[in-house]
């Protein structure tokens, strides 16, 4: 296992780290679903530099739920990029479902996940707006035919400081000052615990 706080340098001006969080998440209303669920959230973070300046953050996140119906059959993976621009940052975010077991309710899980992602787009944009101190432009929800590769956010966030956020994400001592933890709290989730940093993959 990697030592706490370990950051992996990658050829081409990149730094990577991995952070795992346990939390209790709010569950959207659904038949047989509890109001909250325990979850394990693993962030794979890549910071890219260009000419000595941070210009891009990439965050791949695996969400594993422990108390929801059929949670043993699948988990969700989100992929987000935040790239510096003159106005602040361009943010894109997508998600897919990874099924580890066959289940007759696969289509229902896909539909429910898509509905939740749609519902969360505007609150997520508003959260980033507040953090950047500016406004969002070109916020969009795109719904391609294949749910497995769906993109849910494409927005320019004015005033979002990519370099500052990168420093917070690469810090050994995570606090509620970085945007990933802040967003968990913003969405009403509780019992958040952060494991030590590990080298990225």
N, C-alpha and C. Protein backbone atom coordinates (compact mmCIF):
# COMPACT_ATOMS: atom_id res chain seq x y z
N UNK A 1 0.83 -1.21 0.00
CA UNK A 1 0.00 0.00 0.00
C UNK A 1 0.86 1.25 0.00
N UNK A 2 0.39 2.29 -0.64
CA UNK A 2 1.15 3.54 -0.68
C UNK A 2 1.10 4.24 0.66
N UNK A 3 2.15 4.99 0.94
CA UNK A 3 2.20 5.74 2.19
C UNK A 3 1.22 6.90 2.15
N UNK A 4 0.75 7.33 3.32
CA UNK A 4 -0.16 8.46 3.40
C UNK A 4 0.48 9.69 2.79
N UNK A 5 -0.30 10.39 2.00
CA UNK A 5 0.19 11.62 1.40
C UNK A 5 1.00 11.42 0.15
N UNK A 6 1.15 10.17 -0.31
CA UNK A 6 2.00 9.92 -1.47
C UNK A 6 1.35 10.42 -2.74
N UNK A 7 2.11 11.16 -3.53
CA UNK A 7 1.67 11.67 -4.81
C UNK A 7 2.52 11.02 -5.89
N UNK A 8 1.91 10.52 -6.93
CA UNK A 8 2.64 9.84 -7.98
C UNK A 8 2.91 10.80 -9.13
N UNK A 9 4.19 11.10 -9.46
CA UNK A 9 4.48 11.90 -10.64
C UNK A 9 4.32 11.06 -11.89
N UNK A 10 3.77 11.64 -12.93
CA UNK A 10 3.55 10.94 -14.18
C UNK A 10 4.22 11.71 -15.31
N UNK A 11 4.81 11.00 -16.24
CA UNK A 11 5.48 11.66 -17.37
C UNK A 11 4.49 12.57 -18.09
N UNK A 12 4.96 13.75 -18.45
CA UNK A 12 4.11 14.69 -19.19
C UNK A 12 3.49 15.76 -18.33
N UNK A 13 4.10 16.06 -17.17
CA UNK A 13 3.59 17.15 -16.34
C UNK A 13 2.32 16.83 -15.60
N UNK A 14 2.16 15.57 -15.15
CA UNK A 14 0.95 15.18 -14.42
C UNK A 14 1.30 14.68 -13.01
N UNK A 15 0.39 14.90 -12.09
CA UNK A 15 0.47 14.34 -10.74
C UNK A 15 -0.81 13.58 -10.47
N UNK A 16 -0.69 12.45 -9.78
CA UNK A 16 -1.88 11.65 -9.49
C UNK A 16 -1.92 11.26 -8.02
N UNK A 17 -3.12 11.19 -7.49
CA UNK A 17 -3.33 10.69 -6.14
C UNK A 17 -4.68 10.00 -6.09
N UNK A 18 -4.87 9.19 -5.08
CA UNK A 18 -6.14 8.48 -4.89
C UNK A 18 -6.62 8.73 -3.47
N UNK A 19 -7.89 9.10 -3.33
CA UNK A 19 -8.47 9.33 -2.00
C UNK A 19 -9.76 8.54 -1.88
N UNK A 20 -9.91 7.87 -0.74
CA UNK A 20 -11.13 7.10 -0.48
C UNK A 20 -11.89 7.71 0.69
N UNK A 21 -13.20 7.81 0.52
CA UNK A 21 -14.07 8.42 1.51
C UNK A 21 -15.19 7.45 1.86
N UNK A 22 -15.53 7.35 3.13
CA UNK A 22 -16.75 6.68 3.54
C UNK A 22 -17.74 7.75 3.97
N UNK A 23 -19.01 7.54 3.66
CA UNK A 23 -20.01 8.55 3.97
C UNK A 23 -21.39 7.92 4.01
N UNK A 24 -22.33 8.66 4.56
CA UNK A 24 -23.74 8.27 4.49
C UNK A 24 -24.42 9.23 3.53
N UNK A 25 -24.94 8.68 2.42
CA UNK A 25 -25.50 9.49 1.36
C UNK A 25 -27.01 9.53 1.43
N UNK A 26 -27.57 10.66 1.03
CA UNK A 26 -29.02 10.79 0.89
C UNK A 26 -29.45 10.02 -0.36
N UNK A 27 -30.49 9.20 -0.23
CA UNK A 27 -30.98 8.40 -1.35
C UNK A 27 -32.27 9.02 -1.90
N UNK A 28 -32.34 9.26 -3.22
CA UNK A 28 -33.58 9.80 -3.80
C UNK A 28 -34.75 8.85 -3.54
N UNK A 29 -35.95 9.36 -3.33
CA UNK A 29 -37.12 8.50 -3.08
C UNK A 29 -37.31 7.47 -4.18
N UNK A 30 -37.48 6.22 -3.80
CA UNK A 30 -37.70 5.13 -4.76
C UNK A 30 -38.29 3.95 -4.00
N UNK A 31 -39.05 3.09 -4.70
CA UNK A 31 -39.62 1.91 -4.05
C UNK A 31 -38.55 1.04 -3.38
N UNK A 32 -38.77 0.67 -2.15
CA UNK A 32 -37.89 -0.21 -1.36
C UNK A 32 -36.56 0.43 -0.98
N UNK A 33 -36.33 1.66 -1.37
CA UNK A 33 -35.05 2.30 -1.08
C UNK A 33 -35.06 2.96 0.29
N UNK A 34 -33.95 2.86 1.03
CA UNK A 34 -33.85 3.56 2.32
C UNK A 34 -33.67 5.06 2.10
N UNK A 35 -33.80 5.83 3.15
CA UNK A 35 -33.62 7.28 3.03
C UNK A 35 -32.15 7.65 2.87
N UNK A 36 -31.27 6.84 3.47
CA UNK A 36 -29.83 7.06 3.35
C UNK A 36 -29.14 5.71 3.13
N UNK A 37 -27.89 5.77 2.69
CA UNK A 37 -27.11 4.55 2.52
C UNK A 37 -25.65 4.81 2.86
N UNK A 38 -24.99 3.79 3.41
CA UNK A 38 -23.54 3.86 3.55
C UNK A 38 -22.92 3.75 2.16
N UNK A 39 -21.80 4.43 1.98
CA UNK A 39 -21.15 4.41 0.67
C UNK A 39 -19.64 4.50 0.82
N UNK A 40 -18.95 3.90 -0.14
CA UNK A 40 -17.51 4.06 -0.26
C UNK A 40 -17.25 4.78 -1.57
N UNK A 41 -16.56 5.91 -1.48
CA UNK A 41 -16.33 6.78 -2.65
C UNK A 41 -14.83 6.86 -2.87
N UNK A 42 -14.39 6.47 -4.05
CA UNK A 42 -12.97 6.51 -4.36
C UNK A 42 -12.71 7.49 -5.49
N UNK A 43 -11.90 8.51 -5.20
CA UNK A 43 -11.55 9.53 -6.20
C UNK A 43 -10.14 9.23 -6.74
N UNK A 44 -10.02 9.16 -8.05
CA UNK A 44 -8.72 9.06 -8.72
C UNK A 44 -8.46 10.41 -9.36
N UNK A 45 -7.50 11.15 -8.83
CA UNK A 45 -7.31 12.56 -9.20
C UNK A 45 -6.03 12.72 -10.01
N UNK A 46 -6.14 13.39 -11.14
CA UNK A 46 -4.97 13.70 -11.97
C UNK A 46 -4.90 15.21 -12.16
N UNK A 47 -3.73 15.79 -11.89
CA UNK A 47 -3.50 17.21 -12.07
C UNK A 47 -2.47 17.37 -13.20
N UNK A 48 -2.82 18.15 -14.21
CA UNK A 48 -1.92 18.35 -15.34
C UNK A 48 -1.40 19.79 -15.34
N UNK A 49 -0.10 19.91 -15.52
CA UNK A 49 0.55 21.22 -15.56
C UNK A 49 1.07 21.51 -16.96
N UNK A 50 1.10 22.79 -17.27
CA UNK A 50 1.63 23.25 -18.55
C UNK A 50 2.36 24.56 -18.32
N UNK A 51 3.64 24.59 -18.69
CA UNK A 51 4.46 25.79 -18.46
C UNK A 51 4.47 26.20 -16.99
N UNK A 52 4.50 25.19 -16.12
CA UNK A 52 4.58 25.46 -14.68
C UNK A 52 3.28 25.86 -14.03
N UNK A 53 2.17 25.84 -14.77
CA UNK A 53 0.87 26.22 -14.23
C UNK A 53 -0.12 25.07 -14.36
N UNK A 54 -0.95 24.89 -13.34
CA UNK A 54 -2.01 23.88 -13.42
C UNK A 54 -3.04 24.32 -14.44
N UNK A 55 -3.33 23.46 -15.40
CA UNK A 55 -4.33 23.85 -16.39
C UNK A 55 -5.49 22.86 -16.49
N UNK A 56 -5.36 21.69 -15.85
CA UNK A 56 -6.46 20.72 -15.97
C UNK A 56 -6.50 19.79 -14.77
N UNK A 57 -7.70 19.57 -14.26
CA UNK A 57 -7.97 18.57 -13.23
C UNK A 57 -8.86 17.49 -13.83
N UNK A 58 -8.52 16.24 -13.59
CA UNK A 58 -9.38 15.13 -14.00
C UNK A 58 -9.68 14.29 -12.77
N UNK A 59 -10.95 14.00 -12.55
CA UNK A 59 -11.35 13.22 -11.39
C UNK A 59 -12.25 12.08 -11.85
N UNK A 60 -11.77 10.85 -11.66
CA UNK A 60 -12.58 9.66 -11.90
C UNK A 60 -13.04 9.17 -10.54
N UNK A 61 -14.35 8.96 -10.37
CA UNK A 61 -14.90 8.60 -9.06
C UNK A 61 -15.75 7.35 -9.16
N UNK A 62 -15.44 6.37 -8.31
CA UNK A 62 -16.26 5.17 -8.18
C UNK A 62 -17.14 5.31 -6.94
N UNK A 63 -18.45 5.18 -7.14
CA UNK A 63 -19.43 5.26 -6.05
C UNK A 63 -19.97 3.86 -5.79
N UNK A 64 -19.65 3.30 -4.62
CA UNK A 64 -20.14 1.98 -4.24
C UNK A 64 -21.10 2.14 -3.06
N UNK A 65 -22.37 1.78 -3.29
CA UNK A 65 -23.39 1.89 -2.25
C UNK A 65 -23.52 0.55 -1.53
N UNK A 66 -23.91 0.60 -0.25
CA UNK A 66 -23.93 -0.62 0.55
C UNK A 66 -25.31 -1.02 1.07
N UNK A 67 -26.30 -0.14 0.99
CA UNK A 67 -27.59 -0.44 1.62
C UNK A 67 -28.79 -0.31 0.69
N UNK A 68 -28.59 -0.02 -0.57
CA UNK A 68 -29.70 0.16 -1.50
C UNK A 68 -30.02 -1.15 -2.22
N UNK A 69 -31.25 -1.31 -2.72
CA UNK A 69 -31.61 -2.55 -3.42
C UNK A 69 -30.68 -2.82 -4.61
N UNK A 70 -30.23 -4.05 -4.73
CA UNK A 70 -29.39 -4.52 -5.85
C UNK A 70 -28.02 -3.84 -5.89
N UNK A 71 -27.60 -3.25 -4.78
CA UNK A 71 -26.31 -2.54 -4.79
C UNK A 71 -25.13 -3.48 -5.00
N UNK A 72 -25.34 -4.79 -4.74
CA UNK A 72 -24.26 -5.75 -4.95
C UNK A 72 -24.04 -6.04 -6.44
N UNK A 73 -24.94 -5.57 -7.28
CA UNK A 73 -24.88 -5.89 -8.71
C UNK A 73 -24.13 -4.85 -9.55
N UNK A 74 -23.93 -3.66 -9.01
CA UNK A 74 -23.36 -2.60 -9.84
C UNK A 74 -22.73 -1.52 -8.99
N UNK A 75 -21.94 -0.67 -9.62
CA UNK A 75 -21.54 0.60 -9.01
C UNK A 75 -21.49 1.66 -10.10
N UNK A 76 -21.43 2.90 -9.69
CA UNK A 76 -21.43 4.00 -10.65
C UNK A 76 -20.04 4.61 -10.75
N UNK A 77 -19.66 4.98 -11.95
CA UNK A 77 -18.40 5.69 -12.16
C UNK A 77 -18.69 7.04 -12.82
N UNK A 78 -18.19 8.09 -12.20
CA UNK A 78 -18.28 9.44 -12.77
C UNK A 78 -16.90 9.87 -13.26
N UNK A 79 -16.90 10.62 -14.36
CA UNK A 79 -15.66 11.18 -14.87
C UNK A 79 -15.86 12.68 -15.07
N UNK A 80 -14.98 13.47 -14.47
CA UNK A 80 -15.11 14.92 -14.53
C UNK A 80 -13.78 15.54 -14.91
N UNK A 81 -13.83 16.54 -15.78
CA UNK A 81 -12.64 17.32 -16.10
C UNK A 81 -12.94 18.79 -15.84
N UNK A 82 -11.94 19.49 -15.30
CA UNK A 82 -12.04 20.92 -15.05
C UNK A 82 -10.80 21.55 -15.66
N UNK A 83 -11.00 22.32 -16.70
CA UNK A 83 -9.88 22.87 -17.45
C UNK A 83 -9.90 24.39 -17.38
N UNK A 84 -8.74 24.96 -17.04
CA UNK A 84 -8.64 26.41 -16.90
C UNK A 84 -8.90 27.10 -18.23
N UNK A 85 -9.57 28.24 -18.17
CA UNK A 85 -9.79 29.07 -19.35
C UNK A 85 -9.73 30.53 -18.89
N UNK A 86 -9.82 31.46 -19.82
CA UNK A 86 -9.69 32.88 -19.50
C UNK A 86 -10.75 33.33 -18.49
N UNK A 87 -11.98 32.75 -18.59
CA UNK A 87 -13.07 33.18 -17.71
C UNK A 87 -13.03 32.51 -16.34
N UNK A 88 -12.35 31.36 -16.25
CA UNK A 88 -12.31 30.59 -15.00
C UNK A 88 -12.01 29.13 -15.30
N UNK A 89 -13.05 28.35 -15.58
CA UNK A 89 -12.84 26.93 -15.87
C UNK A 89 -14.00 26.38 -16.69
N UNK A 90 -13.67 25.43 -17.57
CA UNK A 90 -14.67 24.67 -18.31
C UNK A 90 -14.81 23.32 -17.62
N UNK A 91 -16.03 22.99 -17.21
CA UNK A 91 -16.29 21.76 -16.47
C UNK A 91 -17.14 20.82 -17.32
N UNK A 92 -16.68 19.58 -17.45
CA UNK A 92 -17.49 18.54 -18.09
C UNK A 92 -17.59 17.36 -17.14
N UNK A 93 -18.72 16.68 -17.18
CA UNK A 93 -18.94 15.56 -16.25
C UNK A 93 -19.86 14.54 -16.91
N UNK A 94 -19.48 13.29 -16.77
CA UNK A 94 -20.29 12.21 -17.30
C UNK A 94 -20.31 11.05 -16.34
N UNK A 95 -21.15 10.04 -16.62
CA UNK A 95 -21.22 8.89 -15.73
C UNK A 95 -21.58 7.64 -16.51
N UNK A 96 -21.27 6.51 -15.90
CA UNK A 96 -21.65 5.23 -16.45
C UNK A 96 -21.89 4.25 -15.32
N UNK A 97 -22.58 3.16 -15.60
CA UNK A 97 -22.84 2.12 -14.61
C UNK A 97 -22.05 0.87 -14.96
N UNK A 98 -21.39 0.30 -13.97
CA UNK A 98 -20.59 -0.90 -14.17
C UNK A 98 -21.28 -2.04 -13.42
N UNK A 99 -21.79 -3.01 -14.18
CA UNK A 99 -22.52 -4.13 -13.58
C UNK A 99 -21.58 -5.32 -13.38
N UNK A 100 -21.50 -5.79 -12.14
CA UNK A 100 -20.66 -6.93 -11.81
C UNK A 100 -21.45 -8.24 -11.76
N UNK A 101 -22.79 -8.11 -11.71
CA UNK A 101 -23.67 -9.28 -11.73
C UNK A 101 -24.85 -9.00 -12.64
N UNK A 102 -25.40 -10.05 -13.22
CA UNK A 102 -26.61 -9.90 -14.01
C UNK A 102 -27.79 -9.66 -13.09
N UNK A 103 -28.70 -8.82 -13.54
CA UNK A 103 -29.92 -8.55 -12.78
C UNK A 103 -31.05 -8.20 -13.72
N UNK A 104 -32.25 -8.68 -13.42
CA UNK A 104 -33.40 -8.42 -14.29
C UNK A 104 -33.89 -6.98 -14.17
N UNK A 105 -33.38 -6.23 -13.21
CA UNK A 105 -33.80 -4.84 -13.03
C UNK A 105 -32.75 -3.87 -13.58
N UNK A 106 -31.87 -4.33 -14.45
CA UNK A 106 -30.82 -3.47 -14.98
C UNK A 106 -31.37 -2.21 -15.62
N UNK A 107 -32.40 -2.35 -16.46
CA UNK A 107 -32.96 -1.18 -17.13
C UNK A 107 -33.57 -0.20 -16.14
N UNK A 108 -34.16 -0.72 -15.07
CA UNK A 108 -34.74 0.15 -14.04
C UNK A 108 -33.64 0.92 -13.32
N UNK A 109 -32.52 0.24 -13.02
CA UNK A 109 -31.40 0.90 -12.37
C UNK A 109 -30.82 1.99 -13.28
N UNK A 110 -30.71 1.69 -14.56
CA UNK A 110 -30.20 2.68 -15.52
C UNK A 110 -31.11 3.90 -15.58
N UNK A 111 -32.41 3.66 -15.65
CA UNK A 111 -33.36 4.78 -15.74
C UNK A 111 -33.34 5.63 -14.48
N UNK A 112 -33.30 4.98 -13.31
CA UNK A 112 -33.28 5.71 -12.06
C UNK A 112 -31.99 6.52 -11.91
N UNK A 113 -30.86 5.94 -12.34
CA UNK A 113 -29.58 6.65 -12.25
C UNK A 113 -29.57 7.85 -13.17
N UNK A 114 -30.11 7.70 -14.36
CA UNK A 114 -30.20 8.81 -15.31
C UNK A 114 -31.07 9.93 -14.76
N UNK A 115 -32.20 9.57 -14.16
CA UNK A 115 -33.10 10.58 -13.59
C UNK A 115 -32.41 11.34 -12.46
N UNK A 116 -31.66 10.64 -11.63
CA UNK A 116 -30.94 11.29 -10.53
C UNK A 116 -29.87 12.23 -11.05
N UNK A 117 -29.14 11.80 -12.08
CA UNK A 117 -28.11 12.65 -12.67
C UNK A 117 -28.73 13.92 -13.26
N UNK A 118 -29.85 13.79 -13.93
CA UNK A 118 -30.55 14.95 -14.49
C UNK A 118 -30.93 15.93 -13.38
N UNK A 119 -31.48 15.38 -12.30
CA UNK A 119 -31.93 16.22 -11.19
C UNK A 119 -30.78 16.97 -10.54
N UNK A 120 -29.58 16.35 -10.55
CA UNK A 120 -28.44 16.93 -9.84
C UNK A 120 -27.63 17.91 -10.67
N UNK A 121 -27.93 18.04 -11.97
CA UNK A 121 -27.13 18.93 -12.82
C UNK A 121 -27.16 20.37 -12.32
N UNK A 122 -28.35 20.94 -12.16
CA UNK A 122 -28.44 22.35 -11.79
C UNK A 122 -27.88 22.64 -10.41
N UNK A 123 -28.18 21.81 -9.37
CA UNK A 123 -27.54 22.05 -8.07
C UNK A 123 -26.01 21.98 -8.15
N UNK A 124 -25.48 21.09 -8.95
CA UNK A 124 -24.02 20.97 -9.09
C UNK A 124 -23.45 22.23 -9.72
N UNK A 125 -24.11 22.74 -10.77
CA UNK A 125 -23.66 23.97 -11.42
C UNK A 125 -23.72 25.14 -10.44
N UNK A 126 -24.81 25.22 -9.68
CA UNK A 126 -24.95 26.30 -8.70
C UNK A 126 -23.86 26.22 -7.63
N UNK A 127 -23.51 25.02 -7.21
CA UNK A 127 -22.43 24.83 -6.23
C UNK A 127 -21.11 25.36 -6.79
N UNK A 128 -20.79 25.02 -8.02
CA UNK A 128 -19.55 25.49 -8.62
C UNK A 128 -19.57 27.00 -8.84
N UNK A 129 -20.72 27.55 -9.21
CA UNK A 129 -20.86 29.00 -9.36
C UNK A 129 -20.50 29.69 -8.05
N UNK A 130 -21.08 29.20 -6.96
CA UNK A 130 -20.85 29.81 -5.65
C UNK A 130 -19.38 29.71 -5.27
N UNK A 131 -18.76 28.57 -5.55
CA UNK A 131 -17.36 28.38 -5.20
C UNK A 131 -16.46 29.27 -6.03
N UNK A 132 -16.81 29.48 -7.29
CA UNK A 132 -16.01 30.32 -8.17
C UNK A 132 -16.28 31.81 -7.99
N UNK A 133 -17.41 32.12 -7.37
CA UNK A 133 -17.75 33.52 -7.18
C UNK A 133 -18.26 34.19 -8.44
N UNK A 134 -18.58 33.36 -9.44
CA UNK A 134 -19.05 33.93 -10.70
C UNK A 134 -20.34 33.28 -11.15
N UNK A 135 -20.48 33.10 -12.44
CA UNK A 135 -21.67 32.52 -13.02
C UNK A 135 -21.28 31.42 -13.99
N UNK A 136 -22.26 30.63 -14.38
CA UNK A 136 -22.01 29.57 -15.35
C UNK A 136 -22.59 29.96 -16.70
N UNK A 137 -21.89 29.56 -17.74
CA UNK A 137 -22.38 29.75 -19.10
C UNK A 137 -22.37 28.41 -19.81
N UNK A 138 -23.28 28.25 -20.75
CA UNK A 138 -23.33 27.05 -21.60
C UNK A 138 -23.58 25.78 -20.79
N UNK A 139 -24.27 25.90 -19.65
CA UNK A 139 -24.61 24.70 -18.90
C UNK A 139 -25.58 23.87 -19.73
N UNK A 140 -25.35 22.57 -19.79
CA UNK A 140 -26.18 21.76 -20.67
C UNK A 140 -26.31 20.34 -20.13
N UNK A 141 -27.41 19.69 -20.52
CA UNK A 141 -27.57 18.27 -20.27
C UNK A 141 -27.70 17.60 -21.62
N UNK A 142 -26.81 16.67 -21.89
CA UNK A 142 -26.83 15.96 -23.16
C UNK A 142 -27.21 14.51 -22.91
N UNK A 143 -28.15 14.01 -23.69
CA UNK A 143 -28.64 12.65 -23.49
C UNK A 143 -28.45 11.83 -24.76
N UNK A 144 -27.27 11.21 -24.92
CA UNK A 144 -27.05 10.35 -26.08
C UNK A 144 -27.85 9.06 -25.93
N UNK A 145 -27.89 8.26 -26.95
CA UNK A 145 -28.69 7.05 -26.93
C UNK A 145 -28.18 6.03 -25.91
N UNK A 146 -26.86 5.92 -25.74
CA UNK A 146 -26.28 4.92 -24.86
C UNK A 146 -26.05 5.49 -23.47
N UNK A 147 -26.82 5.01 -22.50
CA UNK A 147 -26.70 5.53 -21.14
C UNK A 147 -25.33 5.27 -20.54
N UNK A 148 -24.62 4.24 -21.02
CA UNK A 148 -23.33 3.90 -20.44
C UNK A 148 -22.28 4.99 -20.64
N UNK A 149 -22.47 5.88 -21.61
CA UNK A 149 -21.47 6.91 -21.89
C UNK A 149 -22.08 8.31 -21.84
N UNK A 150 -23.02 8.49 -20.97
CA UNK A 150 -23.77 9.74 -20.96
C UNK A 150 -22.97 10.90 -20.36
N UNK A 151 -23.04 12.05 -21.02
CA UNK A 151 -22.45 13.27 -20.48
C UNK A 151 -23.55 14.12 -19.89
N UNK A 152 -23.34 14.62 -18.68
CA UNK A 152 -24.41 15.33 -17.99
C UNK A 152 -24.12 16.81 -17.76
N UNK A 153 -22.86 17.22 -17.80
CA UNK A 153 -22.53 18.62 -17.54
C UNK A 153 -21.51 19.10 -18.57
N UNK A 154 -21.73 20.29 -19.10
CA UNK A 154 -20.76 20.98 -19.95
C UNK A 154 -20.97 22.46 -19.70
N UNK A 155 -20.13 23.06 -18.86
CA UNK A 155 -20.37 24.44 -18.43
C UNK A 155 -19.07 25.19 -18.22
N UNK A 156 -19.12 26.49 -18.45
CA UNK A 156 -18.01 27.38 -18.13
C UNK A 156 -18.32 28.09 -16.82
N UNK A 157 -17.46 27.92 -15.83
CA UNK A 157 -17.68 28.50 -14.50
C UNK A 157 -16.74 29.69 -14.33
N UNK A 158 -17.29 30.88 -14.30
CA UNK A 158 -16.47 32.08 -14.16
C UNK A 158 -15.84 32.16 -12.76
N UNK A 159 -14.57 32.50 -12.71
CA UNK A 159 -13.89 32.72 -11.44
C UNK A 159 -13.41 31.46 -10.74
N UNK A 160 -13.61 30.29 -11.33
CA UNK A 160 -13.18 29.04 -10.69
C UNK A 160 -11.67 28.90 -10.84
N UNK A 161 -10.97 28.80 -9.70
CA UNK A 161 -9.50 28.78 -9.68
C UNK A 161 -9.00 27.34 -9.71
N UNK A 162 -8.63 26.85 -10.89
CA UNK A 162 -8.22 25.46 -11.05
C UNK A 162 -6.94 25.17 -10.27
N UNK A 163 -5.99 26.10 -10.28
CA UNK A 163 -4.72 25.89 -9.57
C UNK A 163 -4.94 25.75 -8.06
N UNK A 164 -5.77 26.61 -7.50
CA UNK A 164 -6.06 26.55 -6.06
C UNK A 164 -6.73 25.23 -5.71
N UNK A 165 -7.70 24.82 -6.53
CA UNK A 165 -8.40 23.57 -6.25
C UNK A 165 -7.46 22.37 -6.36
N UNK A 166 -6.51 22.43 -7.28
CA UNK A 166 -5.53 21.35 -7.42
C UNK A 166 -4.68 21.23 -6.16
N UNK A 167 -4.23 22.35 -5.62
CA UNK A 167 -3.44 22.34 -4.39
C UNK A 167 -4.21 21.71 -3.24
N UNK A 168 -5.49 22.02 -3.13
CA UNK A 168 -6.31 21.48 -2.05
C UNK A 168 -6.51 19.97 -2.21
N UNK A 169 -6.68 19.51 -3.45
CA UNK A 169 -6.89 18.09 -3.69
C UNK A 169 -5.63 17.26 -3.47
N UNK A 170 -4.46 17.86 -3.73
CA UNK A 170 -3.20 17.14 -3.56
C UNK A 170 -2.66 17.20 -2.13
N UNK A 171 -3.30 18.01 -1.28
CA UNK A 171 -2.84 18.13 0.11
C UNK A 171 -3.04 16.82 0.86
N UNK A 172 -2.10 16.49 1.74
CA UNK A 172 -2.22 15.26 2.53
C UNK A 172 -3.39 15.35 3.50
N UNK A 173 -3.57 16.50 4.12
CA UNK A 173 -4.63 16.69 5.10
C UNK A 173 -5.85 17.30 4.42
N UNK A 174 -6.77 16.43 4.02
CA UNK A 174 -7.99 16.92 3.39
C UNK A 174 -8.90 17.54 4.46
N UNK A 175 -9.50 18.63 4.10
CA UNK A 175 -10.50 19.24 4.97
C UNK A 175 -11.69 19.60 4.10
N UNK A 176 -12.70 20.19 4.71
CA UNK A 176 -13.90 20.55 3.96
C UNK A 176 -13.67 21.75 3.05
N UNK A 177 -12.40 22.13 2.84
CA UNK A 177 -12.12 23.28 1.99
C UNK A 177 -11.99 22.88 0.51
N UNK A 178 -11.80 21.58 0.21
CA UNK A 178 -11.71 21.22 -1.21
C UNK A 178 -13.10 20.94 -1.76
N UNK A 179 -13.24 21.10 -3.07
CA UNK A 179 -14.60 21.12 -3.63
C UNK A 179 -15.27 19.76 -3.62
N UNK A 180 -14.53 18.66 -3.62
CA UNK A 180 -15.15 17.34 -3.58
C UNK A 180 -15.83 17.10 -2.23
N UNK A 181 -15.14 17.44 -1.14
CA UNK A 181 -15.74 17.29 0.18
C UNK A 181 -16.86 18.30 0.40
N UNK A 182 -16.63 19.53 -0.04
CA UNK A 182 -17.66 20.55 0.12
C UNK A 182 -18.95 20.16 -0.61
N UNK A 183 -18.80 19.53 -1.78
CA UNK A 183 -20.00 19.16 -2.53
C UNK A 183 -20.76 18.04 -1.84
N UNK A 184 -20.06 17.12 -1.19
CA UNK A 184 -20.75 16.09 -0.40
C UNK A 184 -21.63 16.72 0.67
N UNK A 185 -21.08 17.71 1.38
CA UNK A 185 -21.85 18.39 2.42
C UNK A 185 -22.98 19.21 1.81
N UNK A 186 -22.71 19.86 0.69
CA UNK A 186 -23.71 20.67 0.00
C UNK A 186 -24.93 19.84 -0.38
N UNK A 187 -24.71 18.57 -0.72
CA UNK A 187 -25.80 17.69 -1.13
C UNK A 187 -26.50 17.02 0.05
N UNK A 188 -26.11 17.38 1.28
CA UNK A 188 -26.80 16.88 2.46
C UNK A 188 -26.29 15.56 2.99
N UNK A 189 -25.13 15.09 2.52
CA UNK A 189 -24.59 13.82 2.98
C UNK A 189 -23.83 14.01 4.30
N UNK A 190 -23.75 12.93 5.09
CA UNK A 190 -23.18 13.03 6.44
C UNK A 190 -22.18 11.89 6.70
N UNK A 191 -21.63 11.88 7.92
CA UNK A 191 -20.72 10.83 8.38
C UNK A 191 -19.54 10.63 7.42
N UNK A 192 -19.01 11.73 6.93
CA UNK A 192 -17.92 11.68 5.95
C UNK A 192 -16.59 11.44 6.65
N UNK A 193 -15.86 10.41 6.24
CA UNK A 193 -14.54 10.11 6.77
C UNK A 193 -13.58 9.89 5.61
N UNK A 194 -12.41 10.50 5.70
CA UNK A 194 -11.43 10.45 4.62
C UNK A 194 -10.25 9.58 5.01
N UNK A 195 -9.91 8.62 4.16
CA UNK A 195 -8.74 7.78 4.39
C UNK A 195 -7.49 8.54 3.96
N UNK A 196 -6.31 8.12 4.43
CA UNK A 196 -5.07 8.77 4.01
C UNK A 196 -4.89 8.70 2.49
N UNK A 197 -4.11 9.64 1.97
CA UNK A 197 -3.85 9.66 0.54
C UNK A 197 -3.05 8.45 0.13
N UNK A 198 -3.29 7.99 -1.09
CA UNK A 198 -2.51 6.89 -1.66
C UNK A 198 -2.12 7.26 -3.07
N UNK A 199 -1.09 6.61 -3.58
CA UNK A 199 -0.64 6.90 -4.94
C UNK A 199 -1.76 6.61 -5.93
N UNK A 200 -1.85 7.45 -6.95
CA UNK A 200 -2.87 7.27 -7.96
C UNK A 200 -2.55 6.10 -8.86
N UNK A 201 -3.58 5.63 -9.58
CA UNK A 201 -3.38 4.53 -10.51
C UNK A 201 -3.52 5.03 -11.95
